[in-house]
Amino acid sequence: MIFTAIFVVFAALLILLALKTVLDRNLTHSAIFLMTFLFALSALFIFLGASLVGAIELLVFVGAVVTLLVFTLMLTGGRELE
């Protein structure tokens, strides 16, 4: 019962973060929401018992892809969408 409740909370958090990532007009905030989404997704994978997938998600996506995206936004200015 408690596992189902934790799963529902993580699923709702993931949906909210995914929507905030897509709908936010500030590119820097979108990148931060994407990073938080990927952290939560990794935690969900680890919670469900797929620790290898969670660790790979954490290392590859959060550690490399989002970091490069944040640096790109910092170098280009990260202006708001019009």
PDB file of N, CA and C in Angstrom:
ATOM      1  N   MET A   1       0.812  -1.189   0.000  1.00  0.00           N
ATOM      2  CA  MET A   1       0.000   0.000   0.000  1.00  0.00           C
ATOM      3  C   MET A   1       0.866   1.269   0.000  1.00  0.00           C
ATOM      4  N   ILE A   2       1.908   1.290   0.825  1.00  0.00           N
ATOM      5  CA  ILE A   2       2.767   2.469   0.887  1.00  0.00           C
ATOM      6  C   ILE A   2       3.571   2.628  -0.404  1.00  0.00           C
ATOM      7  N   PHE A   3       3.932   1.504  -1.027  1.00  0.00           N
ATOM      8  CA  PHE A   3       4.670   1.576  -2.278  1.00  0.00           C
ATOM      9  C   PHE A   3       3.822   2.177  -3.387  1.00  0.00           C
ATOM     10  N   THR A   4       2.545   1.838  -3.398  1.00  0.00           N
ATOM     11  CA  THR A   4       1.633   2.407  -4.385  1.00  0.00           C
ATOM     12  C   THR A   4       1.487   3.912  -4.180  1.00  0.00           C
ATOM     13  N   ALA A   5       1.393   4.345  -2.942  1.00  0.00           N
ATOM     14  CA  ALA A   5       1.270   5.773  -2.656  1.00  0.00           C
ATOM     15  C   ALA A   5       2.533   6.523  -3.079  1.00  0.00           C
ATOM     16  N   ILE A   6       3.699   5.956  -2.809  1.00  0.00           N
ATOM     17  CA  ILE A   6       4.954   6.594  -3.208  1.00  0.00           C
ATOM     18  C   ILE A   6       5.057   6.657  -4.726  1.00  0.00           C
ATOM     19  N   PHE A   7       4.638   5.582  -5.404  1.00  0.00           N
ATOM     20  CA  PHE A   7       4.665   5.566  -6.865  1.00  0.00           C
ATOM     21  C   PHE A   7       3.742   6.638  -7.443  1.00  0.00           C
ATOM     22  N   VAL A   8       2.553   6.782  -6.877  1.00  0.00           N
ATOM     23  CA  VAL A   8       1.601   7.795  -7.362  1.00  0.00           C
ATOM     24  C   VAL A   8       2.157   9.198  -7.142  1.00  0.00           C
ATOM     25  N   VAL A   9       2.810   9.430  -6.014  1.00  0.00           N
ATOM     26  CA  VAL A   9       3.410  10.746  -5.753  1.00  0.00           C
ATOM     27  C   VAL A   9       4.525  11.030  -6.760  1.00  0.00           C
ATOM     28  N   PHE A  10       5.390  10.055  -7.018  1.00  0.00           N
ATOM     29  CA  PHE A  10       6.449  10.238  -8.000  1.00  0.00           C
ATOM     30  C   PHE A  10       5.873  10.457  -9.393  1.00  0.00           C
ATOM     31  N   ALA A  11       4.841   9.707  -9.763  1.00  0.00           N
ATOM     32  CA  ALA A  11       4.236   9.860 -11.083  1.00  0.00           C
ATOM     33  C   ALA A  11       3.621  11.243 -11.251  1.00  0.00           C
ATOM     34  N   ALA A  12       2.932  11.726 -10.226  1.00  0.00           N
ATOM     35  CA  ALA A  12       2.343  13.067 -10.295  1.00  0.00           C
ATOM     36  C   ALA A  12       3.441  14.131 -10.385  1.00  0.00           C
ATOM     37  N   LEU A  13       4.517  13.952  -9.628  1.00  0.00           N
ATOM     38  CA  LEU A  13       5.641  14.884  -9.685  1.00  0.00           C
ATOM     39  C   LEU A  13       6.274  14.892 -11.067  1.00  0.00           C
ATOM     40  N   LEU A  14       6.427  13.715 -11.670  1.00  0.00           N
ATOM     41  CA  LEU A  14       7.021  13.626 -12.999  1.00  0.00           C
ATOM     42  C   LEU A  14       6.147  14.308 -14.039  1.00  0.00           C
ATOM     43  N   ILE A  15       4.833  14.128 -13.947  1.00  0.00           N
ATOM     44  CA  ILE A  15       3.932  14.783 -14.905  1.00  0.00           C
ATOM     45  C   ILE A  15       4.002  16.298 -14.743  1.00  0.00           C
ATOM     46  N   LEU A  16       3.996  16.770 -13.520  1.00  0.00           N
ATOM     47  CA  LEU A  16       4.074  18.208 -13.264  1.00  0.00           C
ATOM     48  C   LEU A  16       5.384  18.793 -13.783  1.00  0.00           C
ATOM     49  N   LEU A  17       6.493  18.119 -13.512  1.00  0.00           N
ATOM     50  CA  LEU A  17       7.787  18.626 -13.970  1.00  0.00           C
ATOM     51  C   LEU A  17       7.905  18.592 -15.494  1.00  0.00           C
ATOM     52  N   ALA A  18       7.348  17.570 -16.124  1.00  0.00           N
ATOM     53  CA  ALA A  18       7.382  17.500 -17.586  1.00  0.00           C
ATOM     54  C   ALA A  18       6.580  18.644 -18.195  1.00  0.00           C
ATOM     55  N   LEU A  19       5.418  18.935 -17.629  1.00  0.00           N
ATOM     56  CA  LEU A  19       4.613  20.046 -18.132  1.00  0.00           C
ATOM     57  C   LEU A  19       5.312  21.383 -17.916  1.00  0.00           C
ATOM     58  N   LYS A  20       5.927  21.569 -16.749  1.00  0.00           N
ATOM     59  CA  LYS A  20       6.656  22.807 -16.483  1.00  0.00           C
ATOM     60  C   LYS A  20       7.850  22.962 -17.433  1.00  0.00           C
ATOM     61  N   THR A  21       8.504  21.849 -17.778  1.00  0.00           N
ATOM     62  CA  THR A  21       9.632  21.900 -18.705  1.00  0.00           C
ATOM     63  C   THR A  21       9.192  22.392 -20.074  1.00  0.00           C
ATOM     64  N   VAL A  22       8.082  21.912 -20.545  1.00  0.00           N
ATOM     65  CA  VAL A  22       7.627  22.249 -21.886  1.00  0.00           C
ATOM     66  C   VAL A  22       6.955  23.621 -21.936  1.00  0.00           C
ATOM     67  N   LEU A  23       6.221  23.985 -20.911  1.00  0.00           N
ATOM     68  CA  LEU A  23       5.398  25.186 -20.970  1.00  0.00           C
ATOM     69  C   LEU A  23       6.065  26.449 -20.432  1.00  0.00           C
ATOM     70  N   ASP A  24       7.196  26.338 -19.759  1.00  0.00           N
ATOM     71  CA  ASP A  24       7.847  27.523 -19.207  1.00  0.00           C
ATOM     72  C   ASP A  24       8.484  28.342 -20.329  1.00  0.00           C
ATOM     73  N   ARG A  25       8.372  29.642 -20.247  1.00  0.00           N
ATOM     74  CA  ARG A  25       8.880  30.515 -21.300  1.00  0.00           C
ATOM     75  C   ARG A  25      10.354  30.879 -21.102  1.00  0.00           C
ATOM     76  N   ASN A  26      10.880  30.692 -19.918  1.00  0.00           N
ATOM     77  CA  ASN A  26      12.286  30.982 -19.645  1.00  0.00           C
ATOM     78  C   ASN A  26      13.097  29.710 -19.887  1.00  0.00           C
ATOM     79  N   LEU A  27      14.087  29.803 -20.778  1.00  0.00           N
ATOM     80  CA  LEU A  27      14.850  28.611 -21.159  1.00  0.00           C
ATOM     81  C   LEU A  27      15.692  28.058 -20.007  1.00  0.00           C
ATOM     82  N   THR A  28      16.203  28.928 -19.171  1.00  0.00           N
ATOM     83  CA  THR A  28      16.997  28.468 -18.035  1.00  0.00           C
ATOM     84  C   THR A  28      16.129  27.705 -17.048  1.00  0.00           C
ATOM     85  N   HIS A  29      14.939  28.209 -16.793  1.00  0.00           N
ATOM     86  CA  HIS A  29      14.024  27.500 -15.895  1.00  0.00           C
ATOM     87  C   HIS A  29      13.609  26.162 -16.493  1.00  0.00           C
ATOM     88  N   SER A  30      13.410  26.123 -17.806  1.00  0.00           N
ATOM     89  CA  SER A  30      13.065  24.858 -18.461  1.00  0.00           C
ATOM     90  C   SER A  30      14.184  23.829 -18.298  1.00  0.00           C
ATOM     91  N   ALA A  31      15.415  24.274 -18.412  1.00  0.00           N
ATOM     92  CA  ALA A  31      16.549  23.359 -18.231  1.00  0.00           C
ATOM     93  C   ALA A  31      16.615  22.849 -16.795  1.00  0.00           C
ATOM     94  N   ILE A  32      16.325  23.708 -15.838  1.00  0.00           N
ATOM     95  CA  ILE A  32      16.335  23.280 -14.433  1.00  0.00           C
ATOM     96  C   ILE A  32      15.190  22.302 -14.168  1.00  0.00           C
ATOM     97  N   PHE A  33      14.013  22.570 -14.747  1.00  0.00           N
ATOM     98  CA  PHE A  33      12.899  21.631 -14.600  1.00  0.00           C
ATOM     99  C   PHE A  33      13.218  20.294 -15.253  1.00  0.00           C
ATOM    100  N   LEU A  34      13.908  20.324 -16.413  1.00  0.00           N
ATOM    101  CA  LEU A  34      14.303  19.079 -17.073  1.00  0.00           C
ATOM    102  C   LEU A  34      15.266  18.287 -16.201  1.00  0.00           C
ATOM    103  N   MET A  35      16.220  18.978 -15.581  1.00  0.00           N
ATOM    104  CA  MET A  35      17.168  18.302 -14.701  1.00  0.00           C
ATOM    105  C   MET A  35      16.457  17.689 -13.495  1.00  0.00           C
ATOM    106  N   THR A  36      15.523  18.420 -12.922  1.00  0.00           N
ATOM    107  CA  THR A  36      14.758  17.895 -11.787  1.00  0.00           C
ATOM    108  C   THR A  36      13.904  16.711 -12.201  1.00  0.00           C
ATOM    109  N   PHE A  37      13.315  16.791 -13.394  1.00  0.00           N
ATOM    110  CA  PHE A  37      12.531  15.676 -13.928  1.00  0.00           C
ATOM    111  C   PHE A  37      13.384  14.425 -14.069  1.00  0.00           C
ATOM    112  N   LEU A  38      14.582  14.587 -14.611  1.00  0.00           N
ATOM    113  CA  LEU A  38      15.445  13.420 -14.809  1.00  0.00           C
ATOM    114  C   LEU A  38      15.942  12.856 -13.484  1.00  0.00           C
ATOM    115  N   PHE A  39      16.184  13.712 -12.486  1.00  0.00           N
ATOM    116  CA  PHE A  39      16.519  13.223 -11.147  1.00  0.00           C
ATOM    117  C   PHE A  39      15.371  12.394 -10.578  1.00  0.00           C
ATOM    118  N   ALA A  40      14.149  12.909 -10.689  1.00  0.00           N
ATOM    119  CA  ALA A  40      12.987  12.195 -10.153  1.00  0.00           C
ATOM    120  C   ALA A  40      12.746  10.890 -10.905  1.00  0.00           C
ATOM    121  N   LEU A  41      12.974  10.899 -12.214  1.00  0.00           N
ATOM    122  CA  LEU A  41      12.810   9.670 -12.995  1.00  0.00           C
ATOM    123  C   LEU A  41      13.842   8.624 -12.588  1.00  0.00           C
ATOM    124  N   SER A  42      15.058   9.065 -12.344  1.00  0.00           N
ATOM    125  CA  SER A  42      16.097   8.160 -11.872  1.00  0.00           C
ATOM    126  C   SER A  42      15.734   7.586 -10.505  1.00  0.00           C
ATOM    127  N   ALA A  43      15.221   8.430  -9.620  1.00  0.00           N
ATOM    128  CA  ALA A  43      14.796   7.950  -8.302  1.00  0.00           C
ATOM    129  C   ALA A  43      13.647   6.953  -8.415  1.00  0.00           C
ATOM    130  N   LEU A  44      12.739   7.179  -9.359  1.00  0.00           N
ATOM    131  CA  LEU A  44      11.631   6.250  -9.566  1.00  0.00           C
ATOM    132  C   LEU A  44      12.132   4.901 -10.066  1.00  0.00           C
ATOM    133  N   PHE A  45      13.088   4.919 -10.992  1.00  0.00           N
ATOM    134  CA  PHE A  45      13.671   3.665 -11.472  1.00  0.00           C
ATOM    135  C   PHE A  45      14.348   2.907 -10.328  1.00  0.00           C
ATOM    136  N   ILE A  46      15.094   3.617  -9.510  1.00  0.00           N
ATOM    137  CA  ILE A  46      15.767   2.972  -8.377  1.00  0.00           C
ATOM    138  C   ILE A  46      14.742   2.431  -7.389  1.00  0.00           C
ATOM    139  N   PHE A  47      13.679   3.179  -7.150  1.00  0.00           N
ATOM    140  CA  PHE A  47      12.610   2.738  -6.250  1.00  0.00           C
ATOM    141  C   PHE A  47      11.929   1.470  -6.759  1.00  0.00           C
ATOM    142  N   LEU A  48      11.776   1.355  -8.081  1.00  0.00           N
ATOM    143  CA  LEU A  48      11.119   0.181  -8.659  1.00  0.00           C
ATOM    144  C   LEU A  48      12.040  -1.031  -8.791  1.00  0.00           C
ATOM    145  N   GLY A  49      13.303  -0.869  -8.434  1.00  0.00           N
ATOM    146  CA  GLY A  49      14.211  -2.008  -8.433  1.00  0.00           C
ATOM    147  C   GLY A  49      15.134  -2.076  -9.631  1.00  0.00           C
ATOM    148  N   ALA A  50      15.029  -1.133 -10.550  1.00  0.00           N
ATOM    149  CA  ALA A  50      15.905  -1.103 -11.717  1.00  0.00           C
ATOM    150  C   ALA A  50      17.048  -0.120 -11.439  1.00  0.00           C
ATOM    151  N   SER A  51      17.920  -0.514 -10.526  1.00  0.00           N
ATOM    152  CA  SER A  51      18.962   0.412 -10.082  1.00  0.00           C
ATOM    153  C   SER A  51      19.987   0.701 -11.172  1.00  0.00           C
ATOM    154  N   LEU A  52      20.256  -0.255 -12.060  1.00  0.00           N
ATOM    155  CA  LEU A  52      21.204  -0.005 -13.138  1.00  0.00           C
ATOM    156  C   LEU A  52      20.655   1.044 -14.100  1.00  0.00           C
ATOM    157  N   VAL A  53      19.396   0.935 -14.451  1.00  0.00           N
ATOM    158  CA  VAL A  53      18.774   1.915 -15.343  1.00  0.00           C
ATOM    159  C   VAL A  53      18.744   3.285 -14.673  1.00  0.00           C
ATOM    160  N   GLY A  54      18.442   3.326 -13.384  1.00  0.00           N
ATOM    161  CA  GLY A  54      18.434   4.587 -12.651  1.00  0.00           C
ATOM    162  C   GLY A  54      19.805   5.219 -12.592  1.00  0.00           C
ATOM    163  N   ALA A  55      20.828   4.410 -12.385  1.00  0.00           N
ATOM    164  CA  ALA A  55      22.193   4.943 -12.323  1.00  0.00           C
ATOM    165  C   ALA A  55      22.650   5.448 -13.689  1.00  0.00           C
ATOM    166  N   ILE A  56      22.319   4.723 -14.744  1.00  0.00           N
ATOM    167  CA  ILE A  56      22.680   5.167 -16.093  1.00  0.00           C
ATOM    168  C   ILE A  56      21.941   6.452 -16.444  1.00  0.00           C
ATOM    169  N   GLU A  57      20.665   6.517 -16.094  1.00  0.00           N
ATOM    170  CA  GLU A  57      19.876   7.738 -16.305  1.00  0.00           C
ATOM    171  C   GLU A  57      20.526   8.922 -15.596  1.00  0.00           C
ATOM    172  N   LEU A  58      20.926   8.705 -14.368  1.00  0.00           N
ATOM    173  CA  LEU A  58      21.537   9.773 -13.579  1.00  0.00           C
ATOM    174  C   LEU A  58      22.869  10.216 -14.169  1.00  0.00           C
ATOM    175  N   LEU A  59      23.708   9.268 -14.537  1.00  0.00           N
ATOM    176  CA  LEU A  59      25.029   9.610 -15.055  1.00  0.00           C
ATOM    177  C   LEU A  59      24.987  10.213 -16.446  1.00  0.00           C
ATOM    178  N   VAL A  60      24.240   9.580 -17.344  1.00  0.00           N
ATOM    179  CA  VAL A  60      24.268  10.013 -18.740  1.00  0.00           C
ATOM    180  C   VAL A  60      23.436  11.274 -18.952  1.00  0.00           C
ATOM    181  N   PHE A  61      22.175  11.224 -18.552  1.00  0.00           N
ATOM    182  CA  PHE A  61      21.303  12.348 -18.875  1.00  0.00           C
ATOM    183  C   PHE A  61      21.548  13.548 -17.977  1.00  0.00           C
ATOM    184  N   VAL A  62      21.514  13.339 -16.674  1.00  0.00           N
ATOM    185  CA  VAL A  62      21.699  14.479 -15.762  1.00  0.00           C
ATOM    186  C   VAL A  62      23.152  14.923 -15.774  1.00  0.00           C
ATOM    187  N   GLY A  63      24.058  13.980 -15.768  1.00  0.00           N
ATOM    188  CA  GLY A  63      25.470  14.325 -15.671  1.00  0.00           C
ATOM    189  C   GLY A  63      26.059  14.924 -16.925  1.00  0.00           C
ATOM    190  N   ALA A  64      25.555  14.547 -18.081  1.00  0.00           N
ATOM    191  CA  ALA A  64      26.178  15.014 -19.320  1.00  0.00           C
ATOM    192  C   ALA A  64      25.264  15.920 -20.137  1.00  0.00           C
ATOM    193  N   VAL A  65      24.106  15.430 -20.493  1.00  0.00           N
ATOM    194  CA  VAL A  65      23.249  16.150 -21.428  1.00  0.00           C
ATOM    195  C   VAL A  65      22.732  17.454 -20.832  1.00  0.00           C
ATOM    196  N   VAL A  66      22.182  17.399 -19.628  1.00  0.00           N
ATOM    197  CA  VAL A  66      21.619  18.610 -19.026  1.00  0.00           C
ATOM    198  C   VAL A  66      22.730  19.592 -18.669  1.00  0.00           C
ATOM    199  N   THR A  67      23.875  19.107 -18.260  1.00  0.00           N
ATOM    200  CA  THR A  67      24.995  20.001 -17.954  1.00  0.00           C
ATOM    201  C   THR A  67      25.436  20.760 -19.207  1.00  0.00           C
ATOM    202  N   LEU A  68      25.520  20.070 -20.341  1.00  0.00           N
ATOM    203  CA  LEU A  68      25.862  20.748 -21.582  1.00  0.00           C
ATOM    204  C   LEU A  68      24.785  21.742 -21.995  1.00  0.00           C
ATOM    205  N   LEU A  69      23.530  21.391 -21.774  1.00  0.00           N
ATOM    206  CA  LEU A  69      22.435  22.295 -22.093  1.00  0.00           C
ATOM    207  C   LEU A  69      22.493  23.556 -21.228  1.00  0.00           C
ATOM    208  N   VAL A  70      22.765  23.396 -19.952  1.00  0.00           N
ATOM    209  CA  VAL A  70      22.856  24.560 -19.060  1.00  0.00           C
ATOM    210  C   VAL A  70      24.040  25.442 -19.439  1.00  0.00           C
ATOM    211  N   PHE A  71      25.183  24.854 -19.754  1.00  0.00           N
ATOM    212  CA  PHE A  71      26.324  25.657 -20.179  1.00  0.00           C
ATOM    213  C   PHE A  71      26.038  26.383 -21.483  1.00  0.00           C
ATOM    214  N   THR A  72      25.340  25.727 -22.407  1.00  0.00           N
ATOM    215  CA  THR A  72      24.978  26.375 -23.669  1.00  0.00           C
ATOM    216  C   THR A  72      24.057  27.563 -23.416  1.00  0.00           C
ATOM    217  N   LEU A  73      23.094  27.390 -22.532  1.00  0.00           N
ATOM    218  CA  LEU A  73      22.190  28.491 -22.218  1.00  0.00           C
ATOM    219  C   LEU A  73      22.918  29.629 -21.526  1.00  0.00           C
ATOM    220  N   MET A  74      23.885  29.290 -20.680  1.00  0.00           N
ATOM    221  CA  MET A  74      24.637  30.332 -19.995  1.00  0.00           C
ATOM    222  C   MET A  74      25.505  31.122 -20.974  1.00  0.00           C
ATOM    223  N   LEU A  75      26.075  30.445 -21.960  1.00  0.00           N
ATOM    224  CA  LEU A  75      26.949  31.130 -22.913  1.00  0.00           C
ATOM    225  C   LEU A  75      26.171  31.950 -23.935  1.00  0.00           C
ATOM    226  N   THR A  76      24.964  31.503 -24.284  1.00  0.00           N
ATOM    227  CA  THR A  76      24.186  32.230 -25.290  1.00  0.00           C
ATOM    228  C   THR A  76      23.253  33.259 -24.688  1.00  0.00           C
ATOM    229  N   GLY A  77      23.113  33.292 -23.393  1.00  0.00           N
ATOM    230  CA  GLY A  77      22.272  34.291 -22.756  1.00  0.00           C
ATOM    231  C   GLY A  77      20.987  33.719 -22.185  1.00  0.00           C
ATOM    232  N   GLY A  78      20.448  32.669 -22.761  1.00  0.00           N
ATOM    233  CA  GLY A  78      19.243  32.045 -22.237  1.00  0.00           C
ATOM    234  C   GLY A  78      18.050  32.987 -22.161  1.00  0.00           C
ATOM    235  N   ARG A  79      17.788  33.688 -23.262  1.00  0.00           N
ATOM    236  CA  ARG A  79      16.699  34.654 -23.278  1.00  0.00           C
ATOM    237  C   ARG A  79      15.348  33.943 -23.224  1.00  0.00           C
ATOM    238  N   GLU A  80      14.331  34.730 -22.875  1.00  0.00           N
ATOM    239  CA  GLU A  80      12.973  34.202 -22.854  1.00  0.00           C
ATOM    240  C   GLU A  80      12.442  34.052 -24.266  1.00  0.00           C
ATOM    241  N   LEU A  81      11.540  33.090 -24.460  1.00  0.00           N
ATOM    242  CA  LEU A  81      10.886  32.916 -25.747  1.00  0.00           C
ATOM    243  C   LEU A  81       9.834  34.000 -25.931  1.00  0.00           C
ATOM    244  N   GLU A  82       9.652  34.408 -27.150  1.00  0.00           N
ATOM    245  CA  GLU A  82       8.649  35.452 -27.421  1.00  0.00           C
ATOM    246  C   GLU A  82       7.340  34.864 -27.881  1.00  0.00           C
TER     247      GLU A  82
END
